[in-house]
Amino acid sequence: MNEIETRIIDIDADDIRKKMLSAGAVKVKAENQINHIFDFEDRRLLKQKGYARVRIVKDTINNKFIYYMTTKKIVSQEKYKVMDENEIIVDNAETAIKLFKSLGLVETETIKKYRESYRYKNTLVEIDINDPSFCPFPYIEIETALEEELKEVVHLLGYKMSDTTSATIYDIMKSKKISG
């Protein structure tokens, strides 16, 4: 699945929540995540702007755990970040981790975050608040398949397209001289 995605950093999470709800968006996620990031020892996935991940989600809306196995690769970062993403829900995070390791991947980092997501038409607006030891500022990701809708959401939230970035969170932190 290809999606277009952009980020807006250093946001006021409460302001984003209010604007999304007043626009008729529906809160679809409130979750605590643990993201286990994998690559080969030579970092060949990361060098090609990709990675493998096992995500453990504590869904606080439905009070359940969900486990995802994912591979991602950036296809383009020209105007928006365009990702090729393959994801499957699995029933056991430990087995998923063992599967990646059996393929020769190693865990490169573990990232904890809180994510709250709102659905507006065909677009997902995700408020990410990471463990401050990884990323000390909140940001939103806007994901959709429709460029015009992405622009509509950016403006609905009170931002301009010039406030957005296609950079990865790692690139943003590097530019801010923050080591994650």
N, C-alpha and C. Protein backbone atom coordinates (compact mmCIF):
# COMPACT_ATOMS: atom_id res chain seq x y z
N MET A 1 0.85 -1.18 0.00
CA MET A 1 0.00 0.00 0.00
C MET A 1 0.88 1.24 0.00
N ASN A 2 0.66 2.17 -0.89
CA ASN A 2 1.37 3.44 -0.88
C ASN A 2 0.47 4.49 -0.27
N GLU A 3 1.08 5.32 0.56
CA GLU A 3 0.36 6.43 1.18
C GLU A 3 1.23 7.65 1.07
N ILE A 4 0.59 8.83 1.04
CA ILE A 4 1.39 10.04 1.15
C ILE A 4 1.27 10.52 2.59
N GLU A 5 2.36 11.07 3.06
CA GLU A 5 2.43 11.41 4.47
C GLU A 5 3.23 12.68 4.63
N THR A 6 2.83 13.49 5.57
CA THR A 6 3.60 14.67 5.93
C THR A 6 3.55 14.83 7.44
N ARG A 7 4.47 15.60 7.97
CA ARG A 7 4.53 15.85 9.41
C ARG A 7 4.50 17.34 9.68
N ILE A 8 3.98 17.66 10.84
CA ILE A 8 4.09 19.01 11.39
C ILE A 8 4.62 18.81 12.80
N ILE A 9 5.72 19.49 13.12
CA ILE A 9 6.37 19.25 14.40
C ILE A 9 6.09 20.39 15.39
N ASP A 10 6.45 20.12 16.65
CA ASP A 10 6.27 21.10 17.73
C ASP A 10 4.84 21.62 17.80
N ILE A 11 3.90 20.70 17.83
CA ILE A 11 2.48 21.07 17.82
C ILE A 11 1.94 21.19 19.24
N ASP A 12 0.77 21.81 19.36
CA ASP A 12 0.01 21.85 20.62
C ASP A 12 -1.03 20.74 20.49
N ALA A 13 -0.81 19.63 21.17
CA ALA A 13 -1.67 18.46 21.02
C ALA A 13 -3.13 18.77 21.37
N ASP A 14 -3.36 19.55 22.42
CA ASP A 14 -4.74 19.88 22.82
C ASP A 14 -5.43 20.69 21.73
N ASP A 15 -4.72 21.61 21.11
CA ASP A 15 -5.28 22.42 20.03
C ASP A 15 -5.64 21.54 18.83
N ILE A 16 -4.78 20.59 18.50
CA ILE A 16 -5.06 19.67 17.38
C ILE A 16 -6.31 18.85 17.69
N ARG A 17 -6.40 18.32 18.90
CA ARG A 17 -7.59 17.54 19.29
C ARG A 17 -8.87 18.35 19.12
N LYS A 18 -8.87 19.58 19.62
CA LYS A 18 -10.07 20.44 19.53
C LYS A 18 -10.45 20.70 18.08
N LYS A 19 -9.46 21.03 17.26
CA LYS A 19 -9.75 21.33 15.85
C LYS A 19 -10.26 20.10 15.11
N MET A 20 -9.69 18.94 15.39
CA MET A 20 -10.15 17.72 14.72
C MET A 20 -11.60 17.42 15.11
N LEU A 21 -11.90 17.47 16.39
CA LEU A 21 -13.26 17.14 16.84
C LEU A 21 -14.27 18.17 16.34
N SER A 22 -13.90 19.45 16.32
CA SER A 22 -14.84 20.47 15.85
C SER A 22 -15.08 20.36 14.34
N ALA A 23 -14.15 19.73 13.61
CA ALA A 23 -14.31 19.52 12.17
C ALA A 23 -15.10 18.25 11.87
N GLY A 24 -15.49 17.52 12.92
CA GLY A 24 -16.26 16.30 12.72
C GLY A 24 -15.42 15.04 12.59
N ALA A 25 -14.13 15.15 12.88
CA ALA A 25 -13.27 13.96 12.84
C ALA A 25 -13.65 13.03 13.98
N VAL A 26 -13.35 11.76 13.79
CA VAL A 26 -13.65 10.73 14.79
C VAL A 26 -12.34 10.22 15.38
N LYS A 27 -12.29 10.17 16.70
CA LYS A 27 -11.11 9.61 17.36
C LYS A 27 -11.15 8.10 17.17
N VAL A 28 -10.13 7.56 16.50
CA VAL A 28 -10.12 6.13 16.18
C VAL A 28 -9.03 5.36 16.92
N LYS A 29 -8.07 6.07 17.51
CA LYS A 29 -7.01 5.39 18.24
C LYS A 29 -6.59 6.21 19.46
N ALA A 30 -6.30 5.50 20.51
CA ALA A 30 -5.59 6.04 21.68
C ALA A 30 -4.79 4.85 22.17
N GLU A 31 -3.49 4.89 21.95
CA GLU A 31 -2.72 3.69 22.21
C GLU A 31 -1.32 4.00 22.72
N ASN A 32 -0.85 3.10 23.53
CA ASN A 32 0.54 3.12 23.96
C ASN A 32 1.26 2.07 23.12
N GLN A 33 2.39 2.46 22.54
CA GLN A 33 3.11 1.57 21.63
C GLN A 33 4.52 1.30 22.12
N ILE A 34 4.97 0.10 21.83
CA ILE A 34 6.38 -0.23 21.93
C ILE A 34 6.77 -0.71 20.54
N ASN A 35 7.71 -0.01 19.92
CA ASN A 35 8.14 -0.30 18.56
C ASN A 35 9.54 -0.88 18.58
N HIS A 36 9.65 -2.14 18.18
CA HIS A 36 10.94 -2.81 18.08
C HIS A 36 11.39 -2.68 16.63
N ILE A 37 12.48 -1.95 16.40
CA ILE A 37 12.97 -1.67 15.05
C ILE A 37 14.11 -2.63 14.72
N PHE A 38 14.04 -3.21 13.51
CA PHE A 38 15.02 -4.21 13.08
C PHE A 38 15.68 -3.81 11.76
N ASP A 39 16.91 -4.24 11.62
CA ASP A 39 17.65 -4.09 10.37
C ASP A 39 18.73 -5.17 10.37
N PHE A 40 19.41 -5.32 9.26
CA PHE A 40 20.56 -6.21 9.23
C PHE A 40 21.72 -5.50 9.91
N GLU A 41 22.74 -6.26 10.31
CA GLU A 41 23.87 -5.65 11.01
C GLU A 41 24.55 -4.58 10.18
N ASP A 42 24.55 -4.73 8.85
CA ASP A 42 25.19 -3.72 8.00
C ASP A 42 24.27 -2.53 7.70
N ARG A 43 23.09 -2.53 8.30
CA ARG A 43 22.10 -1.44 8.18
C ARG A 43 21.63 -1.22 6.74
N ARG A 44 21.58 -2.31 5.97
CA ARG A 44 21.21 -2.15 4.56
C ARG A 44 19.77 -1.68 4.37
N LEU A 45 18.86 -2.01 5.28
CA LEU A 45 17.48 -1.52 5.14
C LEU A 45 17.44 -0.01 5.37
N LEU A 46 18.06 0.44 6.45
CA LEU A 46 18.09 1.86 6.77
C LEU A 46 18.81 2.65 5.67
N LYS A 47 19.87 2.11 5.12
CA LYS A 47 20.60 2.78 4.04
C LYS A 47 19.72 2.97 2.81
N GLN A 48 18.73 2.06 2.65
CA GLN A 48 17.77 2.17 1.54
C GLN A 48 16.47 2.82 2.01
N LYS A 49 16.54 3.52 3.16
CA LYS A 49 15.41 4.24 3.75
C LYS A 49 14.24 3.32 4.09
N GLY A 50 14.58 2.19 4.70
CA GLY A 50 13.56 1.24 5.12
C GLY A 50 13.89 0.65 6.47
N TYR A 51 12.99 -0.18 6.96
CA TYR A 51 13.21 -0.91 8.21
C TYR A 51 12.14 -1.97 8.37
N ALA A 52 12.36 -2.83 9.34
CA ALA A 52 11.36 -3.82 9.74
C ALA A 52 10.98 -3.49 11.18
N ARG A 53 9.74 -3.79 11.55
CA ARG A 53 9.28 -3.40 12.88
C ARG A 53 8.30 -4.42 13.43
N VAL A 54 8.39 -4.65 14.72
CA VAL A 54 7.34 -5.33 15.47
C VAL A 54 6.77 -4.30 16.43
N ARG A 55 5.49 -4.05 16.32
CA ARG A 55 4.83 -3.04 17.17
C ARG A 55 3.87 -3.74 18.12
N ILE A 56 4.02 -3.42 19.39
CA ILE A 56 3.09 -3.89 20.43
C ILE A 56 2.22 -2.70 20.81
N VAL A 57 0.92 -2.85 20.62
CA VAL A 57 -0.02 -1.76 20.87
C VAL A 57 -0.94 -2.13 22.02
N LYS A 58 -1.03 -1.23 22.99
CA LYS A 58 -2.06 -1.33 24.04
C LYS A 58 -3.13 -0.34 23.63
N ASP A 59 -4.22 -0.86 23.06
CA ASP A 59 -5.36 -0.06 22.59
C ASP A 59 -6.17 0.33 23.82
N THR A 60 -6.10 1.60 24.21
CA THR A 60 -6.80 2.04 25.43
C THR A 60 -8.28 2.33 25.20
N ILE A 61 -8.69 2.42 23.95
CA ILE A 61 -10.13 2.60 23.66
C ILE A 61 -10.87 1.28 23.84
N ASN A 62 -10.30 0.20 23.30
CA ASN A 62 -10.95 -1.12 23.36
C ASN A 62 -10.35 -2.05 24.41
N ASN A 63 -9.37 -1.54 25.17
CA ASN A 63 -8.72 -2.30 26.23
C ASN A 63 -8.23 -3.67 25.77
N LYS A 64 -7.37 -3.64 24.73
CA LYS A 64 -6.80 -4.89 24.23
C LYS A 64 -5.42 -4.63 23.65
N PHE A 65 -4.67 -5.70 23.47
CA PHE A 65 -3.35 -5.63 22.85
C PHE A 65 -3.45 -6.09 21.40
N ILE A 66 -2.67 -5.44 20.53
CA ILE A 66 -2.59 -5.82 19.12
C ILE A 66 -1.10 -5.84 18.77
N TYR A 67 -0.70 -6.80 17.96
CA TYR A 67 0.71 -6.95 17.58
C TYR A 67 0.82 -6.88 16.06
N TYR A 68 1.73 -6.05 15.58
CA TYR A 68 1.92 -5.87 14.15
C TYR A 68 3.35 -6.22 13.76
N MET A 69 3.47 -6.80 12.59
CA MET A 69 4.75 -7.04 11.95
C MET A 69 4.73 -6.23 10.67
N THR A 70 5.76 -5.39 10.48
CA THR A 70 5.72 -4.42 9.39
C THR A 70 7.08 -4.28 8.72
N THR A 71 7.06 -4.05 7.42
CA THR A 71 8.23 -3.56 6.71
C THR A 71 7.82 -2.26 6.02
N LYS A 72 8.75 -1.31 6.02
CA LYS A 72 8.49 -0.02 5.38
C LYS A 72 9.71 0.39 4.59
N LYS A 73 9.45 1.10 3.50
CA LYS A 73 10.52 1.66 2.70
C LYS A 73 10.01 2.96 2.07
N ILE A 74 10.82 4.00 2.17
CA ILE A 74 10.44 5.27 1.56
C ILE A 74 10.64 5.15 0.05
N VAL A 75 9.58 5.45 -0.69
CA VAL A 75 9.62 5.42 -2.14
C VAL A 75 10.02 6.80 -2.68
N SER A 76 9.55 7.87 -1.99
CA SER A 76 9.86 9.23 -2.41
C SER A 76 9.77 10.16 -1.20
N GLN A 77 10.60 11.19 -1.22
CA GLN A 77 10.53 12.25 -0.21
C GLN A 77 10.54 13.61 -0.88
N GLU A 78 10.16 13.66 -2.14
CA GLU A 78 10.22 14.93 -2.86
C GLU A 78 9.24 15.93 -2.27
N LYS A 79 7.97 15.78 -2.56
CA LYS A 79 6.95 16.70 -2.05
C LYS A 79 6.40 16.18 -0.73
N TYR A 80 6.09 14.91 -0.69
CA TYR A 80 5.59 14.24 0.50
C TYR A 80 6.43 12.99 0.72
N LYS A 81 6.30 12.44 1.88
CA LYS A 81 6.95 11.16 2.10
C LYS A 81 5.98 10.10 1.58
N VAL A 82 6.41 9.31 0.62
CA VAL A 82 5.61 8.23 0.05
C VAL A 82 6.24 6.92 0.49
N MET A 83 5.43 6.10 1.16
CA MET A 83 5.95 4.86 1.74
C MET A 83 5.35 3.64 1.06
N ASP A 84 6.19 2.62 0.90
CA ASP A 84 5.71 1.30 0.55
C ASP A 84 5.68 0.55 1.88
N GLU A 85 4.48 0.16 2.31
CA GLU A 85 4.31 -0.45 3.62
C GLU A 85 3.62 -1.80 3.48
N ASN A 86 4.18 -2.79 4.16
CA ASN A 86 3.57 -4.11 4.23
C ASN A 86 3.40 -4.44 5.70
N GLU A 87 2.16 -4.75 6.09
CA GLU A 87 1.90 -4.96 7.51
C GLU A 87 0.90 -6.08 7.70
N ILE A 88 1.12 -6.83 8.77
CA ILE A 88 0.22 -7.92 9.12
C ILE A 88 0.03 -7.93 10.63
N ILE A 89 -1.17 -8.23 11.06
CA ILE A 89 -1.44 -8.42 12.49
C ILE A 89 -1.05 -9.85 12.83
N VAL A 90 -0.29 -10.00 13.91
CA VAL A 90 0.12 -11.32 14.37
C VAL A 90 -0.42 -11.54 15.77
N ASP A 91 -0.43 -12.79 16.22
CA ASP A 91 -1.02 -13.06 17.53
C ASP A 91 0.00 -13.11 18.66
N ASN A 92 1.29 -12.92 18.31
CA ASN A 92 2.31 -13.05 19.34
C ASN A 92 3.53 -12.21 18.96
N ALA A 93 3.83 -11.20 19.75
CA ALA A 93 4.97 -10.32 19.45
C ALA A 93 6.30 -11.05 19.57
N GLU A 94 6.42 -11.91 20.56
CA GLU A 94 7.69 -12.63 20.76
C GLU A 94 8.03 -13.50 19.55
N THR A 95 7.03 -14.18 18.99
CA THR A 95 7.25 -15.00 17.80
C THR A 95 7.63 -14.12 16.61
N ALA A 96 6.99 -12.97 16.47
CA ALA A 96 7.32 -12.05 15.38
C ALA A 96 8.77 -11.59 15.48
N ILE A 97 9.20 -11.26 16.70
CA ILE A 97 10.58 -10.84 16.92
C ILE A 97 11.54 -11.98 16.56
N LYS A 98 11.21 -13.19 16.98
CA LYS A 98 12.05 -14.36 16.65
C LYS A 98 12.11 -14.58 15.14
N LEU A 99 11.01 -14.34 14.45
CA LEU A 99 10.98 -14.52 13.00
C LEU A 99 11.93 -13.55 12.31
N PHE A 100 11.88 -12.27 12.69
CA PHE A 100 12.82 -11.31 12.10
C PHE A 100 14.26 -11.71 12.41
N LYS A 101 14.52 -12.12 13.66
CA LYS A 101 15.89 -12.52 14.03
C LYS A 101 16.34 -13.75 13.25
N SER A 102 15.41 -14.67 12.98
CA SER A 102 15.77 -15.88 12.23
C SER A 102 16.14 -15.55 10.79
N LEU A 103 15.72 -14.40 10.30
CA LEU A 103 16.07 -13.94 8.96
C LEU A 103 17.40 -13.18 8.94
N GLY A 104 18.00 -13.05 10.11
CA GLY A 104 19.29 -12.37 10.20
C GLY A 104 19.20 -10.91 10.59
N LEU A 105 18.01 -10.44 10.94
CA LEU A 105 17.87 -9.06 11.38
C LEU A 105 18.22 -8.95 12.85
N VAL A 106 18.67 -7.76 13.26
CA VAL A 106 18.96 -7.49 14.66
C VAL A 106 18.11 -6.29 15.10
N GLU A 107 17.77 -6.30 16.37
CA GLU A 107 16.99 -5.17 16.90
C GLU A 107 17.93 -3.98 17.07
N THR A 108 17.61 -2.87 16.41
CA THR A 108 18.49 -1.70 16.46
C THR A 108 18.04 -0.70 17.52
N GLU A 109 16.75 -0.66 17.83
CA GLU A 109 16.26 0.22 18.88
C GLU A 109 14.84 -0.14 19.26
N THR A 110 14.45 0.35 20.42
CA THR A 110 13.08 0.19 20.91
C THR A 110 12.56 1.58 21.24
N ILE A 111 11.41 1.92 20.67
CA ILE A 111 10.85 3.26 20.84
C ILE A 111 9.46 3.14 21.46
N LYS A 112 9.24 3.88 22.54
CA LYS A 112 7.92 3.91 23.19
C LYS A 112 7.25 5.24 22.85
N LYS A 113 5.95 5.15 22.55
CA LYS A 113 5.21 6.38 22.26
C LYS A 113 3.74 6.21 22.56
N TYR A 114 3.08 7.35 22.74
CA TYR A 114 1.63 7.41 22.83
C TYR A 114 1.16 7.98 21.50
N ARG A 115 0.15 7.35 20.92
CA ARG A 115 -0.42 7.83 19.65
C ARG A 115 -1.93 7.94 19.79
N GLU A 116 -2.41 9.07 19.33
CA GLU A 116 -3.85 9.33 19.30
C GLU A 116 -4.19 9.70 17.86
N SER A 117 -5.18 9.05 17.28
CA SER A 117 -5.47 9.24 15.86
C SER A 117 -6.91 9.64 15.62
N TYR A 118 -7.08 10.49 14.62
CA TYR A 118 -8.39 10.98 14.23
C TYR A 118 -8.58 10.73 12.74
N ARG A 119 -9.76 10.24 12.38
CA ARG A 119 -10.10 10.01 10.98
C ARG A 119 -10.96 11.18 10.52
N TYR A 120 -10.52 11.84 9.45
CA TYR A 120 -11.26 12.93 8.81
C TYR A 120 -11.39 12.55 7.34
N LYS A 121 -12.60 12.25 6.91
CA LYS A 121 -12.85 11.76 5.56
C LYS A 121 -11.96 10.53 5.31
N ASN A 122 -11.03 10.62 4.35
CA ASN A 122 -10.14 9.49 4.03
C ASN A 122 -8.73 9.68 4.58
N THR A 123 -8.60 10.58 5.54
CA THR A 123 -7.29 10.97 6.04
C THR A 123 -7.17 10.64 7.53
N LEU A 124 -5.98 10.23 7.91
CA LEU A 124 -5.70 9.94 9.31
C LEU A 124 -4.73 10.99 9.83
N VAL A 125 -5.11 11.61 10.96
CA VAL A 125 -4.25 12.58 11.63
C VAL A 125 -3.81 11.94 12.93
N GLU A 126 -2.50 11.75 13.07
CA GLU A 126 -1.98 11.03 14.23
C GLU A 126 -1.10 11.96 15.06
N ILE A 127 -1.49 12.11 16.32
CA ILE A 127 -0.70 12.87 17.29
C ILE A 127 0.26 11.88 17.94
N ASP A 128 1.55 12.14 17.81
CA ASP A 128 2.56 11.27 18.39
C ASP A 128 3.29 12.00 19.51
N ILE A 129 3.31 11.35 20.68
CA ILE A 129 4.05 11.86 21.82
C ILE A 129 4.98 10.74 22.25
N ASN A 130 6.24 10.87 21.87
CA ASN A 130 7.25 9.84 22.13
C ASN A 130 7.80 9.97 23.54
N ASP A 131 8.41 8.89 23.99
CA ASP A 131 9.20 8.96 25.21
C ASP A 131 10.22 10.08 24.98
N PRO A 132 10.30 11.05 25.91
CA PRO A 132 11.19 12.19 25.71
C PRO A 132 12.67 11.81 25.51
N SER A 133 13.07 10.63 25.97
CA SER A 133 14.46 10.21 25.76
C SER A 133 14.73 9.92 24.29
N PHE A 134 13.67 9.66 23.52
CA PHE A 134 13.83 9.44 22.08
C PHE A 134 13.57 10.74 21.30
N CYS A 135 12.40 11.34 21.52
CA CYS A 135 12.02 12.56 20.79
C CYS A 135 11.28 13.48 21.76
N PRO A 136 11.85 14.63 22.09
CA PRO A 136 11.29 15.48 23.14
C PRO A 136 10.13 16.40 22.74
N PHE A 137 9.68 16.33 21.50
CA PHE A 137 8.58 17.22 21.09
C PHE A 137 7.45 16.42 20.44
N PRO A 138 6.20 16.85 20.64
CA PRO A 138 5.08 16.18 19.97
C PRO A 138 4.98 16.63 18.51
N TYR A 139 4.40 15.77 17.70
CA TYR A 139 4.21 16.11 16.29
C TYR A 139 2.99 15.37 15.78
N ILE A 140 2.53 15.77 14.61
CA ILE A 140 1.45 15.03 13.95
C ILE A 140 1.96 14.49 12.63
N GLU A 141 1.37 13.36 12.26
CA GLU A 141 1.55 12.80 10.94
C GLU A 141 0.18 12.85 10.28
N ILE A 142 0.14 13.28 9.05
CA ILE A 142 -1.09 13.30 8.27
C ILE A 142 -0.89 12.31 7.14
N GLU A 143 -1.72 11.27 7.10
CA GLU A 143 -1.58 10.20 6.13
C GLU A 143 -2.86 10.06 5.31
N THR A 144 -2.69 9.93 4.00
CA THR A 144 -3.82 9.76 3.11
C THR A 144 -3.33 9.26 1.76
N ALA A 145 -4.26 8.93 0.91
CA ALA A 145 -3.92 8.61 -0.48
C ALA A 145 -4.29 9.79 -1.39
N LEU A 146 -4.91 10.82 -0.81
CA LEU A 146 -5.46 11.93 -1.59
C LEU A 146 -4.76 13.25 -1.27
N GLU A 147 -4.00 13.77 -2.22
CA GLU A 147 -3.24 14.99 -1.99
C GLU A 147 -4.12 16.19 -1.64
N GLU A 148 -5.24 16.36 -2.32
CA GLU A 148 -6.10 17.51 -2.03
C GLU A 148 -6.66 17.45 -0.61
N GLU A 149 -6.97 16.25 -0.15
CA GLU A 149 -7.48 16.10 1.21
C GLU A 149 -6.38 16.38 2.24
N LEU A 150 -5.16 15.99 1.93
CA LEU A 150 -4.05 16.30 2.82
C LEU A 150 -3.92 17.82 2.98
N LYS A 151 -3.97 18.54 1.89
CA LYS A 151 -3.89 20.01 1.93
C LYS A 151 -5.05 20.58 2.73
N GLU A 152 -6.25 20.03 2.54
CA GLU A 152 -7.43 20.50 3.28
C GLU A 152 -7.22 20.34 4.78
N VAL A 153 -6.69 19.21 5.21
CA VAL A 153 -6.48 18.95 6.63
C VAL A 153 -5.41 19.89 7.20
N VAL A 154 -4.33 20.09 6.46
CA VAL A 154 -3.28 21.01 6.91
C VAL A 154 -3.89 22.39 7.19
N HIS A 155 -4.70 22.88 6.27
CA HIS A 155 -5.32 24.20 6.44
C HIS A 155 -6.37 24.20 7.54
N LEU A 156 -7.13 23.12 7.65
CA LEU A 156 -8.13 22.99 8.71
C LEU A 156 -7.49 23.10 10.10
N LEU A 157 -6.27 22.60 10.21
CA LEU A 157 -5.55 22.64 11.49
C LEU A 157 -4.85 23.98 11.74
N GLY A 158 -4.97 24.90 10.77
CA GLY A 158 -4.40 26.23 10.96
C GLY A 158 -2.96 26.36 10.50
N TYR A 159 -2.49 25.43 9.68
CA TYR A 159 -1.12 25.46 9.19
C TYR A 159 -1.11 25.72 7.69
N LYS A 160 0.08 26.02 7.19
CA LYS A 160 0.31 26.16 5.76
C LYS A 160 1.12 24.96 5.30
N MET A 161 1.11 24.67 4.02
CA MET A 161 1.90 23.56 3.50
C MET A 161 3.39 23.78 3.78
N SER A 162 3.80 25.03 3.87
CA SER A 162 5.21 25.32 4.18
C SER A 162 5.58 24.93 5.62
N ASP A 163 4.58 24.67 6.46
CA ASP A 163 4.83 24.22 7.84
C ASP A 163 5.05 22.70 7.89
N THR A 164 4.83 22.01 6.79
CA THR A 164 4.93 20.55 6.77
C THR A 164 6.31 20.11 6.32
N THR A 165 6.62 18.84 6.60
CA THR A 165 7.89 18.29 6.16
C THR A 165 7.71 16.83 5.76
N SER A 166 8.47 16.42 4.76
CA SER A 166 8.48 15.01 4.37
C SER A 166 9.65 14.28 5.02
N ALA A 167 10.41 15.00 5.84
CA ALA A 167 11.58 14.40 6.49
C ALA A 167 11.15 13.34 7.50
N THR A 168 12.00 12.37 7.70
CA THR A 168 11.74 11.36 8.73
C THR A 168 11.97 11.99 10.10
N ILE A 169 11.45 11.36 11.13
CA ILE A 169 11.65 11.89 12.48
C ILE A 169 13.14 11.89 12.82
N TYR A 170 13.89 10.91 12.30
CA TYR A 170 15.33 10.87 12.53
C TYR A 170 16.02 12.07 11.89
N ASP A 171 15.63 12.42 10.66
CA ASP A 171 16.21 13.57 9.99
C ASP A 171 15.86 14.87 10.71
N ILE A 172 14.63 14.96 11.20
CA ILE A 172 14.20 16.16 11.93
C ILE A 172 15.02 16.32 13.21
N MET A 173 15.16 15.22 13.95
CA MET A 173 15.93 15.29 15.19
C MET A 173 17.39 15.62 14.91
N LYS A 174 17.93 15.06 13.84
CA LYS A 174 19.33 15.35 13.47
C LYS A 174 19.49 16.83 13.17
N SER A 175 18.52 17.42 12.45
CA SER A 175 18.60 18.85 12.12
C SER A 175 18.46 19.72 13.37
N LYS A 176 17.77 19.20 14.40
CA LYS A 176 17.62 19.92 15.67
C LYS A 176 18.74 19.54 16.66
N LYS A 177 19.68 18.72 16.18
CA LYS A 177 20.81 18.24 17.01
C LYS A 177 20.34 17.49 18.25
N ILE A 178 19.33 16.63 18.03
CA ILE A 178 18.82 15.76 19.09
C ILE A 178 19.18 14.34 18.72
N SER A 179 19.78 13.61 19.64
CA SER A 179 20.09 12.20 19.34
C SER A 179 19.01 11.33 19.97
N GLY A 180 18.36 10.52 19.12
CA GLY A 180 17.28 9.65 19.58
C GLY A 180 17.75 8.31 19.98
